[in-house]
Protein backbone atom coordinates (compact mmCIF):
# COMPACT_ATOMS: atom_id res chain seq x y z
CA MET A 1 0.00 0.00 0.00
CA THR A 2 1.39 3.40 -0.96
CA GLU A 3 1.39 6.14 1.59
CA GLN A 4 -0.94 9.06 0.83
CA PRO A 5 0.03 12.63 1.73
CA PRO A 6 -2.02 14.19 4.55
CA PRO A 7 -5.10 16.17 3.48
CA GLY A 8 -4.25 19.71 2.39
CA ALA A 9 -0.59 18.87 1.67
CA SER A 10 0.59 18.69 -1.88
CA ALA A 11 2.23 15.54 -3.15
CA PRO A 12 5.94 15.83 -4.02
CA ARG A 13 6.31 16.50 -7.73
CA GLU A 14 8.89 15.13 -10.08
CA LEU A 15 10.84 17.90 -11.75
CA ALA A 16 10.14 17.94 -15.46
CA PRO A 17 12.84 18.90 -17.92
CA SER A 18 12.47 22.47 -19.14
CA SER A 19 11.95 23.37 -22.78
CA THR A 20 15.75 23.44 -23.18
CA GLY A 21 16.03 19.76 -22.21
CA HIS A 22 17.86 20.29 -18.90
CA LYS A 23 16.27 19.12 -15.66
CA PRO A 24 15.91 21.79 -12.93
CA ASN A 25 17.85 21.14 -9.74
CA LEU A 26 16.39 23.06 -6.79
CA ALA A 27 19.10 21.79 -4.44
CA SER A 28 21.89 23.50 -6.39
CA SER A 29 23.41 26.89 -5.66
CA ASP A 30 24.03 27.45 -9.38
CA PRO A 31 21.15 29.57 -10.79
CA TYR A 32 21.47 27.93 -14.21
CA GLU A 33 20.95 24.49 -12.67
CA VAL A 34 18.02 25.72 -10.57
CA LEU A 35 16.26 26.92 -13.71
CA GLY A 36 17.43 23.91 -15.75
CA LEU A 37 19.30 26.00 -18.32
CA PRO A 38 22.64 25.78 -20.11
CA ARG A 39 25.11 28.60 -19.44
CA ARG A 40 24.68 30.03 -22.92
CA ALA A 41 20.89 30.43 -22.56
CA LEU A 42 19.28 33.47 -24.15
CA PRO A 43 17.33 35.99 -22.02
CA ARG A 44 14.01 34.77 -23.46
CA GLU A 45 14.91 31.16 -22.55
CA ILE A 46 15.70 32.26 -18.99
CA LYS A 47 12.35 34.01 -18.76
CA ARG A 48 10.50 31.02 -20.24
CA ALA A 49 12.17 28.57 -17.84
CA TYR A 50 11.38 30.86 -14.90
CA PHE A 51 7.67 31.07 -15.77
CA GLU A 52 7.45 27.30 -16.38
CA LEU A 53 8.88 26.63 -12.94
CA VAL A 54 6.66 29.25 -11.32
CA ARG A 55 3.65 27.46 -12.80
CA GLN A 56 4.95 24.18 -11.37
CA TYR A 57 5.80 25.70 -7.99
CA PRO A 58 3.42 28.58 -7.25
CA PRO A 59 4.24 30.67 -4.16
CA GLU A 60 0.96 29.71 -2.48
CA THR A 61 1.73 25.97 -2.37
CA ALA A 62 5.54 25.68 -2.62
CA ALA A 63 6.93 28.81 -0.99
CA ASP A 64 10.47 27.49 -0.41
CA ALA A 65 10.87 26.23 -3.97
CA PHE A 66 9.44 29.49 -5.30
CA LYS A 67 12.01 31.49 -3.27
CA LEU A 68 14.85 29.47 -4.76
CA ILE A 69 13.49 29.86 -8.29
CA ARG A 70 12.95 33.60 -7.83
CA ALA A 71 16.46 34.12 -6.43
CA ALA A 72 17.97 32.21 -9.37
CA TYR A 73 15.93 34.27 -11.85
CA GLU A 74 17.01 37.55 -10.22
CA LYS A 75 20.65 36.52 -10.62
CA LEU A 76 20.13 35.97 -14.36
CA GLN A 77 17.45 38.57 -15.14
CA THR A 78 19.60 41.50 -16.31
CA ASN A 79 22.85 41.45 -18.25
CA ALA A 80 24.74 43.12 -15.39
CA ALA A 81 23.48 40.64 -12.79
CA ARG A 82 24.15 37.74 -15.16
CA SER A 83 27.73 38.92 -15.83
CA GLU A 84 28.40 39.14 -12.11
CA THR A 85 26.89 35.70 -11.52
CA ASP A 86 28.94 34.19 -14.36
CA LEU A 87 32.09 35.75 -12.97
CA PHE A 88 31.61 34.17 -9.55
CA LEU A 89 30.48 30.84 -10.97
CA PHE A 90 33.75 30.39 -12.84
CA GLN A 91 35.94 31.65 -10.02
CA PRO A 92 34.32 31.80 -6.60
CA PRO A 93 35.66 34.41 -4.22
CA PRO A 94 38.26 33.16 -1.77
CA PRO A 95 36.95 32.14 1.63
CA TRP A 96 37.03 34.91 4.20
CA GLU A 97 39.63 34.61 6.89
CA PRO A 98 39.98 37.05 9.75
CA ARG A 99 43.15 39.10 9.66
CA LYS A 100 45.84 37.59 11.82
CA ARG A 101 47.44 39.80 14.41
CA PRO A 102 51.22 40.01 14.36
CA ALA A 103 53.05 38.21 17.12
CA LYS A 104 53.81 40.29 20.19
CA LEU A 105 57.21 41.89 20.19
CA GLU A 106 59.54 40.29 22.69
CA LEU A 107 61.17 43.02 24.76
CA ALA A 108 63.30 40.83 27.00
CA PHE A 109 67.06 41.58 26.80
CA ALA A 110 70.27 40.81 28.60
CA PRO A 111 72.59 43.60 29.80
CA GLU A 112 75.47 41.95 27.92
CA ASP A 113 73.66 42.67 24.66
CA ILE A 114 73.85 46.43 25.29
CA TRP A 115 77.59 46.30 25.93
CA ILE A 116 78.16 44.24 22.78
CA LEU A 117 76.21 46.72 20.66
CA LEU A 118 77.98 49.74 22.16
CA SER A 119 81.40 48.22 21.71
CA THR A 120 80.81 47.33 18.06
CA HIS A 121 79.00 50.51 17.04
CA GLY A 122 80.35 52.96 19.57
CA SER A 123 83.73 54.07 20.87
CA LEU A 124 83.79 52.43 24.29
CA GLY A 125 87.30 51.08 23.89
CA ALA A 126 88.80 54.31 22.53
CA THR A 127 91.60 55.97 24.48
CA ASP A 128 92.58 58.63 21.95
CA PHE A 129 90.00 61.39 21.56
CA GLU A 130 92.18 63.77 19.50
CA ALA A 131 90.08 63.07 16.38
CA ASP A 132 86.98 64.30 18.19
CA PHE A 133 88.42 67.75 18.92
CA ARG A 134 89.45 70.00 16.05
CA PRO A 135 91.12 73.31 16.39
CA VAL A 136 88.79 76.27 16.07
CA LYS A 137 89.59 78.69 13.25
CA ILE A 138 88.79 82.30 13.96
């Protein structure tokens, strides 16, 4: 015995291929697959596929499916929106990662380090300071 849907609920429908021959896939995130269209579909084919699916899934009975179909149609409706959609379908944006903070600067030092720096870059070992004093010309 087959199980009947409860009264008032619509029976699940099998997706019919659109007029272009592709089968709509409402589980996909690709708007072309949702509408059952090839990527090179013309604007009139996009509109035709949208209205066919809206007739199959009206908003009164299949609200979730209608939302998916409407969102897919809005992504392909105008040339600008379609270009942007095609751009991100071929190369999705990289995943967002929060900016990493630089490691904390280590300020610990040893007193010997100061003496080593001063002796190499300074004149700590000098005993002759004649070069530092020049005669003043008046």
